[in-house]
Amino acid sequence: MAEQASSRPRQFSESSEASTSTNNSNAVESQSFNPFANPAQTTWQPKIRRMSWCPEDLKRERQRSLHEISAQNVQGFSENQEKSRRQSEF
């Protein structure tokens, strides 16, 4: 009976080790390659990748926004000049 008691826990520990090792390998597998595991993560990754903050991109973005603002200002300025000209005519 002492032999049975000593053999039973060893068998149990082996089976539990086997189950944990298979669980770990499955977890590693799912982390390394499963593009459809977490759809929120997969949809956000490209956006994060696309948004690069290197100085050239920042400079280009600032120049583009400045051009847009200056174009709007020029348009508004010319409209204001026309309004003031019309008012001075009356």
N, C-alpha and C. Protein backbone atom coordinates (compact mmCIF):
# COMPACT_ATOMS: atom_id res chain seq x y z
N MET A 1 0.82 -1.19 0.00
CA MET A 1 0.00 0.00 0.00
C MET A 1 0.87 1.25 0.00
N ALA A 2 2.01 1.19 0.65
CA ALA A 2 2.93 2.32 0.64
C ALA A 2 3.45 2.54 -0.77
N GLU A 3 3.67 1.45 -1.53
CA GLU A 3 4.14 1.59 -2.91
C GLU A 3 3.09 2.31 -3.76
N GLN A 4 1.83 1.91 -3.60
CA GLN A 4 0.77 2.56 -4.38
C GLN A 4 0.70 4.05 -4.07
N ALA A 5 0.80 4.43 -2.83
CA ALA A 5 0.71 5.84 -2.43
C ALA A 5 1.88 6.62 -3.03
N SER A 6 3.07 6.02 -3.06
CA SER A 6 4.23 6.74 -3.59
C SER A 6 4.15 6.83 -5.12
N SER A 7 3.58 5.83 -5.78
CA SER A 7 3.52 5.87 -7.24
C SER A 7 2.40 6.81 -7.71
N ARG A 8 1.35 6.95 -6.92
CA ARG A 8 0.21 7.77 -7.36
C ARG A 8 0.59 9.26 -7.47
N PRO A 9 1.22 9.89 -6.49
CA PRO A 9 1.55 11.31 -6.64
C PRO A 9 2.51 11.57 -7.79
N ARG A 10 3.46 10.66 -8.03
CA ARG A 10 4.40 10.85 -9.13
C ARG A 10 3.64 10.87 -10.46
N GLN A 11 2.71 9.95 -10.61
CA GLN A 11 1.92 9.90 -11.83
C GLN A 11 1.13 11.20 -12.01
N PHE A 12 0.56 11.69 -10.93
CA PHE A 12 -0.24 12.92 -10.99
C PHE A 12 0.64 14.11 -11.37
N SER A 13 1.84 14.19 -10.77
CA SER A 13 2.71 15.33 -11.07
C SER A 13 3.15 15.28 -12.54
N GLU A 14 3.41 14.08 -13.06
CA GLU A 14 3.80 13.98 -14.47
C GLU A 14 2.67 14.46 -15.37
N SER A 15 1.44 14.05 -15.07
CA SER A 15 0.33 14.46 -15.93
C SER A 15 0.11 15.97 -15.83
N SER A 16 0.26 16.54 -14.64
CA SER A 16 0.05 17.99 -14.52
C SER A 16 1.16 18.74 -15.27
N GLU A 17 2.40 18.23 -15.20
CA GLU A 17 3.48 18.87 -15.95
C GLU A 17 3.20 18.81 -17.44
N ALA A 18 2.72 17.67 -17.90
CA ALA A 18 2.43 17.53 -19.32
C ALA A 18 1.35 18.53 -19.74
N SER A 19 0.32 18.69 -18.91
CA SER A 19 -0.76 19.60 -19.28
C SER A 19 -0.25 21.04 -19.29
N THR A 20 0.59 21.41 -18.34
CA THR A 20 1.09 22.79 -18.34
C THR A 20 2.01 23.02 -19.53
N SER A 21 2.80 22.02 -19.90
CA SER A 21 3.69 22.23 -21.05
C SER A 21 2.87 22.39 -22.34
N THR A 22 1.80 21.62 -22.48
CA THR A 22 0.98 21.79 -23.67
C THR A 22 0.29 23.14 -23.64
N ASN A 23 -0.16 23.58 -22.47
CA ASN A 23 -0.79 24.90 -22.38
C ASN A 23 0.20 25.99 -22.75
N ASN A 24 1.43 25.87 -22.28
CA ASN A 24 2.43 26.89 -22.60
C ASN A 24 2.72 26.92 -24.09
N SER A 25 2.85 25.76 -24.70
CA SER A 25 3.15 25.74 -26.13
C SER A 25 1.98 26.33 -26.92
N ASN A 26 0.75 26.05 -26.48
CA ASN A 26 -0.41 26.63 -27.16
C ASN A 26 -0.42 28.14 -27.00
N ALA A 27 -0.08 28.62 -25.82
CA ALA A 27 -0.08 30.06 -25.60
C ALA A 27 0.97 30.72 -26.48
N VAL A 28 2.15 30.12 -26.57
CA VAL A 28 3.21 30.68 -27.41
C VAL A 28 2.76 30.68 -28.87
N GLU A 29 2.14 29.57 -29.28
CA GLU A 29 1.67 29.48 -30.66
C GLU A 29 0.65 30.58 -30.96
N SER A 30 -0.31 30.76 -30.05
CA SER A 30 -1.37 31.74 -30.32
C SER A 30 -0.79 33.15 -30.30
N GLN A 31 0.21 33.40 -29.47
CA GLN A 31 0.82 34.73 -29.46
C GLN A 31 1.61 34.99 -30.73
N SER A 32 2.38 33.99 -31.17
CA SER A 32 3.28 34.23 -32.30
C SER A 32 2.50 34.35 -33.60
N PHE A 33 1.53 33.48 -33.83
CA PHE A 33 0.80 33.57 -35.10
C PHE A 33 -0.65 33.22 -34.91
N ASN A 34 -1.48 34.23 -34.76
CA ASN A 34 -2.92 34.07 -34.85
C ASN A 34 -3.48 35.45 -35.14
N PRO A 35 -3.54 35.84 -36.41
CA PRO A 35 -3.96 37.21 -36.74
C PRO A 35 -5.40 37.51 -36.37
N PHE A 36 -6.23 36.50 -36.20
CA PHE A 36 -7.64 36.74 -35.91
C PHE A 36 -7.96 36.50 -34.44
N ALA A 37 -6.93 36.41 -33.59
CA ALA A 37 -7.18 36.14 -32.18
C ALA A 37 -7.83 37.34 -31.52
N ASN A 38 -7.26 38.53 -31.74
CA ASN A 38 -7.79 39.73 -31.08
C ASN A 38 -8.04 40.76 -32.17
N PRO A 39 -9.26 40.87 -32.67
CA PRO A 39 -9.52 41.78 -33.79
C PRO A 39 -9.23 43.23 -33.46
N ALA A 40 -9.45 43.64 -32.20
CA ALA A 40 -9.17 45.04 -31.84
C ALA A 40 -7.69 45.33 -32.01
N GLN A 41 -6.86 44.39 -31.59
CA GLN A 41 -5.41 44.60 -31.69
C GLN A 41 -5.00 44.65 -33.16
N THR A 42 -5.52 43.74 -33.98
CA THR A 42 -5.10 43.72 -35.38
C THR A 42 -5.60 44.97 -36.10
N THR A 43 -6.76 45.53 -35.73
CA THR A 43 -7.23 46.73 -36.42
C THR A 43 -6.43 47.94 -36.00
N TRP A 44 -5.91 47.95 -34.77
CA TRP A 44 -5.18 49.13 -34.32
C TRP A 44 -3.75 49.14 -34.78
N GLN A 45 -3.14 47.98 -34.99
CA GLN A 45 -1.72 47.94 -35.32
C GLN A 45 -1.36 48.73 -36.58
N PRO A 46 -2.09 48.61 -37.69
CA PRO A 46 -1.68 49.36 -38.88
C PRO A 46 -1.74 50.87 -38.65
N LYS A 47 -2.73 51.35 -37.89
CA LYS A 47 -2.82 52.79 -37.63
C LYS A 47 -1.60 53.26 -36.87
N ILE A 48 -1.18 52.49 -35.89
CA ILE A 48 -0.01 52.88 -35.10
C ILE A 48 1.22 52.86 -35.99
N ARG A 49 1.32 51.85 -36.86
CA ARG A 49 2.48 51.75 -37.73
C ARG A 49 2.51 52.92 -38.72
N ARG A 50 1.33 53.32 -39.21
CA ARG A 50 1.28 54.36 -40.23
C ARG A 50 1.68 55.72 -39.66
N MET A 51 1.41 55.93 -38.36
CA MET A 51 1.67 57.22 -37.76
C MET A 51 3.13 57.27 -37.32
N SER A 52 4.00 57.73 -38.17
CA SER A 52 5.42 57.79 -37.83
C SER A 52 5.77 59.21 -37.43
N TRP A 53 6.59 59.33 -36.40
CA TRP A 53 6.92 60.65 -35.88
C TRP A 53 8.37 60.99 -36.12
N CYS A 54 8.92 60.63 -37.28
CA CYS A 54 10.29 61.04 -37.56
C CYS A 54 10.28 62.52 -37.97
N PRO A 55 11.37 63.21 -37.76
CA PRO A 55 11.38 64.68 -37.97
C PRO A 55 10.98 65.10 -39.38
N GLU A 56 11.35 64.30 -40.38
CA GLU A 56 11.00 64.69 -41.76
C GLU A 56 9.48 64.70 -41.92
N ASP A 57 8.81 63.67 -41.38
CA ASP A 57 7.35 63.61 -41.50
C ASP A 57 6.71 64.76 -40.74
N LEU A 58 7.24 65.05 -39.55
CA LEU A 58 6.68 66.16 -38.77
C LEU A 58 6.83 67.47 -39.53
N LYS A 59 8.02 67.66 -40.12
CA LYS A 59 8.26 68.89 -40.86
C LYS A 59 7.31 68.99 -42.05
N ARG A 60 7.16 67.88 -42.76
CA ARG A 60 6.28 67.86 -43.93
C ARG A 60 4.84 68.17 -43.51
N GLU A 61 4.40 67.55 -42.41
CA GLU A 61 3.03 67.77 -41.94
C GLU A 61 2.83 69.22 -41.54
N ARG A 62 3.83 69.79 -40.85
CA ARG A 62 3.69 71.18 -40.42
C ARG A 62 3.66 72.11 -41.63
N GLN A 63 4.50 71.84 -42.63
CA GLN A 63 4.50 72.67 -43.83
C GLN A 63 3.15 72.61 -44.53
N ARG A 64 2.59 71.37 -44.60
CA ARG A 64 1.30 71.20 -45.28
C ARG A 64 0.22 71.99 -44.54
N SER A 65 0.20 71.87 -43.21
CA SER A 65 -0.83 72.58 -42.45
C SER A 65 -0.61 74.08 -42.55
N LEU A 66 0.66 74.53 -42.56
CA LEU A 66 0.92 75.96 -42.70
C LEU A 66 0.45 76.46 -44.06
N HIS A 67 0.70 75.67 -45.11
CA HIS A 67 0.23 76.07 -46.44
C HIS A 67 -1.29 76.19 -46.46
N GLU A 68 -1.97 75.20 -45.84
CA GLU A 68 -3.43 75.27 -45.81
C GLU A 68 -3.90 76.51 -45.07
N ILE A 69 -3.28 76.78 -43.92
CA ILE A 69 -3.70 77.94 -43.12
C ILE A 69 -3.42 79.22 -43.89
N SER A 70 -2.24 79.32 -44.51
CA SER A 70 -1.91 80.55 -45.23
C SER A 70 -2.85 80.73 -46.42
N ALA A 71 -3.21 79.63 -47.09
CA ALA A 71 -4.15 79.75 -48.21
C ALA A 71 -5.49 80.25 -47.71
N GLN A 72 -5.94 79.73 -46.57
CA GLN A 72 -7.21 80.20 -46.00
C GLN A 72 -7.10 81.68 -45.61
N ASN A 73 -5.96 82.07 -45.04
CA ASN A 73 -5.78 83.47 -44.63
C ASN A 73 -5.79 84.39 -45.84
N VAL A 74 -5.11 83.98 -46.92
CA VAL A 74 -5.08 84.81 -48.13
C VAL A 74 -6.49 84.95 -48.68
N GLN A 75 -7.22 83.83 -48.69
CA GLN A 75 -8.59 83.89 -49.21
C GLN A 75 -9.44 84.82 -48.34
N GLY A 76 -9.34 84.68 -47.04
CA GLY A 76 -10.11 85.53 -46.14
C GLY A 76 -9.70 86.99 -46.27
N PHE A 77 -8.39 87.23 -46.45
CA PHE A 77 -7.89 88.60 -46.58
C PHE A 77 -8.45 89.25 -47.84
N SER A 78 -8.43 88.50 -48.96
CA SER A 78 -8.95 89.08 -50.20
C SER A 78 -10.45 89.35 -50.09
N GLU A 79 -11.18 88.43 -49.40
CA GLU A 79 -12.61 88.66 -49.21
C GLU A 79 -12.85 89.91 -48.37
N ASN A 80 -12.04 90.09 -47.32
CA ASN A 80 -12.19 91.28 -46.47
C ASN A 80 -11.87 92.55 -47.26
N GLN A 81 -10.85 92.47 -48.13
CA GLN A 81 -10.51 93.65 -48.95
C GLN A 81 -11.67 94.02 -49.85
N GLU A 82 -12.30 93.00 -50.46
CA GLU A 82 -13.45 93.29 -51.33
C GLU A 82 -14.58 93.93 -50.54
N LYS A 83 -14.86 93.42 -49.34
CA LYS A 83 -15.92 93.98 -48.51
C LYS A 83 -15.62 95.43 -48.16
N SER A 84 -14.38 95.69 -47.77
CA SER A 84 -14.03 97.07 -47.39
C SER A 84 -14.10 97.99 -48.61
N ARG A 85 -13.73 97.48 -49.79
CA ARG A 85 -13.79 98.30 -51.00
C ARG A 85 -15.25 98.64 -51.32
N ARG A 86 -16.14 97.63 -51.18
CA ARG A 86 -17.56 97.87 -51.44
C ARG A 86 -18.12 98.89 -50.46
N GLN A 87 -17.71 98.77 -49.19
CA GLN A 87 -18.22 99.70 -48.18
C GLN A 87 -17.72 101.13 -48.46
N SER A 88 -16.48 101.24 -48.92
CA SER A 88 -15.94 102.59 -49.17
C SER A 88 -16.59 103.21 -50.41
N GLU A 89 -17.09 102.37 -51.35
CA GLU A 89 -17.74 102.91 -52.54
C GLU A 89 -19.05 103.59 -52.17
N PHE A 90 -19.74 103.02 -51.18
CA PHE A 90 -21.05 103.60 -50.84
C PHE A 90 -20.91 104.94 -50.13
